[in-house]
């Protein structure tokens, strides 16, 4: 769950920073993780709190992004999709997540408190 929430935060941040979003009104994040989707409604999980708070801040940042004058302010929302249900986007996300899990941990930056605590158990 920590990795998925981190990926969502980094994806939103990259979209705001790097994408031509001047025409975009809404940003919809699809996830098969209900805990991650609940963050968009302000429900913060016990784990991944820092990343969840970052997502909430990025929702606010979306409102102040550069956009064309006729483009409405819009919002960032999370939508739940069932996992392992032949959803092409979700299947691709799962494939990429599996590939990412094979990257040596020395190349991955940062650990959450919950992850460190769990590894000591």
Foldseek 3Di string as FASTA:
>chain_A
DLVVLLVVLVVLVCCLVPPPCQQPAEAEAEDQDVQSQCLQVVDADPWNNVSSVSVVVSQVVQQVGHHDPVHHSHTYHYDYDHPPPPDVVNVVVVVVVVVVVPPPPVPPDDDTPVVVVVVVD
